[in-house]
Amino acid sequence: MIKQIFFYFSIRGILLALSCINDQISTILKQRNNRA
Protein backbone atom coordinates (compact mmCIF):
# COMPACT_ATOMS: atom_id res chain seq x y z
CA MET A 1 0.00 0.00 0.00
CA ILE A 2 2.74 2.47 0.93
CA LYS A 3 4.66 1.61 -2.25
CA GLN A 4 1.59 2.39 -4.37
CA ILE A 5 1.19 5.82 -2.71
CA PHE A 6 4.90 6.59 -3.19
CA PHE A 7 4.69 5.49 -6.84
CA TYR A 8 1.62 7.70 -7.40
CA PHE A 9 3.25 10.79 -5.89
CA SER A 10 6.51 10.21 -7.76
CA ILE A 11 4.60 10.06 -11.07
CA ARG A 12 2.72 13.24 -10.17
CA GLY A 13 5.99 14.99 -9.32
CA ILE A 14 7.56 13.95 -12.61
CA LEU A 15 4.53 15.20 -14.56
CA LEU A 16 4.60 18.50 -12.66
CA ALA A 17 8.32 18.93 -13.41
CA LEU A 18 7.76 18.14 -17.11
CA SER A 19 4.92 20.67 -17.36
CA CYS A 20 7.08 23.36 -15.69
CA ILE A 21 9.95 22.64 -18.10
CA ASN A 22 7.50 22.73 -21.04
CA ASP A 23 6.22 26.15 -19.92
CA GLN A 24 9.77 27.51 -19.65
CA ILE A 25 10.66 26.20 -23.12
CA SER A 26 7.50 27.68 -24.64
CA THR A 27 8.19 31.10 -23.08
CA ILE A 28 11.81 31.02 -24.33
CA LEU A 29 10.61 30.14 -27.84
CA LYS A 30 8.07 32.99 -27.73
CA GLN A 31 10.80 35.45 -26.72
CA ARG A 32 13.02 34.27 -29.58
CA ASN A 33 10.14 34.63 -32.04
CA ASN A 34 9.44 38.16 -30.82
CA ARG A 35 13.10 39.16 -31.24
CA ALA A 36 13.23 37.73 -34.77
PDB file of N, CA and C in Angstrom:
ATOM      1  N   MET A   1       0.839  -1.201   0.000  1.00  0.00           N
ATOM      2  CA  MET A   1       0.000   0.000   0.000  1.00  0.00           C
ATOM      3  C   MET A   1       0.876   1.253   0.000  1.00  0.00           C
ATOM      4  N   ILE A   2       1.867   1.289   0.877  1.00  0.00           N
ATOM      5  CA  ILE A   2       2.739   2.466   0.934  1.00  0.00           C
ATOM      6  C   ILE A   2       3.494   2.627  -0.387  1.00  0.00           C
ATOM      7  N   LYS A   3       3.919   1.522  -0.982  1.00  0.00           N
ATOM      8  CA  LYS A   3       4.657   1.613  -2.252  1.00  0.00           C
ATOM      9  C   LYS A   3       3.768   2.222  -3.331  1.00  0.00           C
ATOM     10  N   GLN A   4       2.491   1.849  -3.347  1.00  0.00           N
ATOM     11  CA  GLN A   4       1.589   2.395  -4.367  1.00  0.00           C
ATOM     12  C   GLN A   4       1.451   3.909  -4.197  1.00  0.00           C
ATOM     13  N   ILE A   5       1.329   4.377  -2.957  1.00  0.00           N
ATOM     14  CA  ILE A   5       1.193   5.820  -2.708  1.00  0.00           C
ATOM     15  C   ILE A   5       2.468   6.537  -3.152  1.00  0.00           C
ATOM     16  N   PHE A   6       3.623   5.981  -2.803  1.00  0.00           N
ATOM     17  CA  PHE A   6       4.898   6.594  -3.187  1.00  0.00           C
ATOM     18  C   PHE A   6       5.022   6.657  -4.709  1.00  0.00           C
ATOM     19  N   PHE A   7       4.639   5.559  -5.378  1.00  0.00           N
ATOM     20  CA  PHE A   7       4.694   5.488  -6.840  1.00  0.00           C
ATOM     21  C   PHE A   7       3.795   6.567  -7.446  1.00  0.00           C
ATOM     22  N   TYR A   8       2.581   6.712  -6.893  1.00  0.00           N
ATOM     23  CA  TYR A   8       1.622   7.698  -7.397  1.00  0.00           C
ATOM     24  C   TYR A   8       2.180   9.108  -7.272  1.00  0.00           C
ATOM     25  N   PHE A   9       2.727   9.436  -6.093  1.00  0.00           N
ATOM     26  CA  PHE A   9       3.246  10.792  -5.891  1.00  0.00           C
ATOM     27  C   PHE A   9       4.489  11.039  -6.734  1.00  0.00           C
ATOM     28  N   SER A  10       5.309  10.013  -6.944  1.00  0.00           N
ATOM     29  CA  SER A  10       6.511  10.209  -7.762  1.00  0.00           C
ATOM     30  C   SER A  10       6.108  10.508  -9.207  1.00  0.00           C
ATOM     31  N   ILE A  11       5.077   9.803  -9.704  1.00  0.00           N
ATOM     32  CA  ILE A  11       4.604  10.062 -11.074  1.00  0.00           C
ATOM     33  C   ILE A  11       4.048  11.479 -11.167  1.00  0.00           C
ATOM     34  N   ARG A  12       3.277  11.888 -10.153  1.00  0.00           N
ATOM     35  CA  ARG A  12       2.719  13.244 -10.175  1.00  0.00           C
ATOM     36  C   ARG A  12       3.838  14.277 -10.165  1.00  0.00           C
ATOM     37  N   GLY A  13       4.873  14.047  -9.377  1.00  0.00           N
ATOM     38  CA  GLY A  13       5.991  14.985  -9.316  1.00  0.00           C
ATOM     39  C   GLY A  13       6.699  15.085 -10.659  1.00  0.00           C
ATOM     40  N   ILE A  14       6.889  13.945 -11.310  1.00  0.00           N
ATOM     41  CA  ILE A  14       7.563  13.948 -12.615  1.00  0.00           C
ATOM     42  C   ILE A  14       6.718  14.717 -13.627  1.00  0.00           C
ATOM     43  N   LEU A  15       5.399  14.499 -13.614  1.00  0.00           N
ATOM     44  CA  LEU A  15       4.532  15.197 -14.561  1.00  0.00           C
ATOM     45  C   LEU A  15       4.550  16.698 -14.291  1.00  0.00           C
ATOM     46  N   LEU A  16       4.552  17.072 -13.009  1.00  0.00           N
ATOM     47  CA  LEU A  16       4.605  18.499 -12.665  1.00  0.00           C
ATOM     48  C   LEU A  16       5.903  19.107 -13.173  1.00  0.00           C
ATOM     49  N   ALA A  17       7.025  18.418 -12.965  1.00  0.00           N
ATOM     50  CA  ALA A  17       8.317  18.932 -13.414  1.00  0.00           C
ATOM     51  C   ALA A  17       8.332  19.074 -14.940  1.00  0.00           C
ATOM     52  N   LEU A  18       7.785  18.084 -15.642  1.00  0.00           N
ATOM     53  CA  LEU A  18       7.765  18.145 -17.107  1.00  0.00           C
ATOM     54  C   LEU A  18       6.925  19.319 -17.582  1.00  0.00           C
ATOM     55  N   SER A  19       5.777  19.560 -16.943  1.00  0.00           N
ATOM     56  CA  SER A  19       4.921  20.675 -17.360  1.00  0.00           C
ATOM     57  C   SER A  19       5.628  22.004 -17.109  1.00  0.00           C
ATOM     58  N   CYS A  20       6.348  22.117 -15.985  1.00  0.00           N
ATOM     59  CA  CYS A  20       7.078  23.362 -15.690  1.00  0.00           C
ATOM     60  C   CYS A  20       8.156  23.585 -16.743  1.00  0.00           C
ATOM     61  N   ILE A  21       8.891  22.527 -17.089  1.00  0.00           N
ATOM     62  CA  ILE A  21       9.949  22.640 -18.102  1.00  0.00           C
ATOM     63  C   ILE A  21       9.330  23.026 -19.451  1.00  0.00           C
ATOM     64  N   ASN A  22       8.177  22.432 -19.767  1.00  0.00           N
ATOM     65  CA  ASN A  22       7.504  22.731 -21.036  1.00  0.00           C
ATOM     66  C   ASN A  22       7.105  24.196 -21.079  1.00  0.00           C
ATOM     67  N   ASP A  23       6.601  24.735 -19.958  1.00  0.00           N
ATOM     68  CA  ASP A  23       6.218  26.151 -19.918  1.00  0.00           C
ATOM     69  C   ASP A  23       7.448  27.030 -20.141  1.00  0.00           C
ATOM     70  N   GLN A  24       8.556  26.708 -19.492  1.00  0.00           N
ATOM     71  CA  GLN A  24       9.770  27.508 -19.651  1.00  0.00           C
ATOM     72  C   GLN A  24      10.237  27.486 -21.097  1.00  0.00           C
ATOM     73  N   ILE A  25      10.217  26.313 -21.722  1.00  0.00           N
ATOM     74  CA  ILE A  25      10.662  26.201 -23.116  1.00  0.00           C
ATOM     75  C   ILE A  25       9.752  27.017 -24.024  1.00  0.00           C
ATOM     76  N   SER A  26       8.437  26.950 -23.785  1.00  0.00           N
ATOM     77  CA  SER A  26       7.501  27.684 -24.641  1.00  0.00           C
ATOM     78  C   SER A  26       7.715  29.192 -24.493  1.00  0.00           C
ATOM     79  N   THR A  27       7.972  29.663 -23.264  1.00  0.00           N
ATOM     80  CA  THR A  27       8.195  31.104 -23.079  1.00  0.00           C
ATOM     81  C   THR A  27       9.492  31.523 -23.766  1.00  0.00           C
ATOM     82  N   ILE A  28      10.530  30.688 -23.674  1.00  0.00           N
ATOM     83  CA  ILE A  28      11.810  31.017 -24.327  1.00  0.00           C
ATOM     84  C   ILE A  28      11.611  31.085 -25.844  1.00  0.00           C
ATOM     85  N   LEU A  29      10.851  30.135 -26.394  1.00  0.00           N
ATOM     86  CA  LEU A  29      10.612  30.139 -27.841  1.00  0.00           C
ATOM     87  C   LEU A  29       9.827  31.380 -28.238  1.00  0.00           C
ATOM     88  N   LYS A  30       8.849  31.779 -27.419  1.00  0.00           N
ATOM     89  CA  LYS A  30       8.066  32.989 -27.729  1.00  0.00           C
ATOM     90  C   LYS A  30       8.977  34.203 -27.739  1.00  0.00           C
ATOM     91  N   GLN A  31       9.884  34.311 -26.764  1.00  0.00           N
ATOM     92  CA  GLN A  31      10.801  35.452 -26.718  1.00  0.00           C
ATOM     93  C   GLN A  31      11.676  35.473 -27.968  1.00  0.00           C
ATOM     94  N   ARG A  32      12.164  34.318 -28.377  1.00  0.00           N
ATOM     95  CA  ARG A  32      13.017  34.268 -29.577  1.00  0.00           C
ATOM     96  C   ARG A  32      12.223  34.702 -30.800  1.00  0.00           C
ATOM     97  N   ASN A  33      10.965  34.261 -30.887  1.00  0.00           N
ATOM     98  CA  ASN A  33      10.142  34.632 -32.041  1.00  0.00           C
ATOM     99  C   ASN A  33       9.890  36.138 -32.050  1.00  0.00           C
ATOM    100  N   ASN A  34       9.684  36.723 -30.884  1.00  0.00           N
ATOM    101  CA  ASN A  34       9.437  38.164 -30.815  1.00  0.00           C
ATOM    102  C   ASN A  34      10.683  38.943 -31.253  1.00  0.00           C
ATOM    103  N   ARG A  35      11.863  38.478 -30.853  1.00  0.00           N
ATOM    104  CA  ARG A  35      13.101  39.163 -31.237  1.00  0.00           C
ATOM    105  C   ARG A  35      13.311  39.089 -32.746  1.00  0.00           C
ATOM    106  N   ALA A  36      13.027  37.929 -33.330  1.00  0.00           N
ATOM    107  CA  ALA A  36      13.225  37.734 -34.768  1.00  0.00           C
ATOM    108  C   ALA A  36      12.053  38.349 -35.542  1.00  0.00           C
TER     109      ALA A  36
END
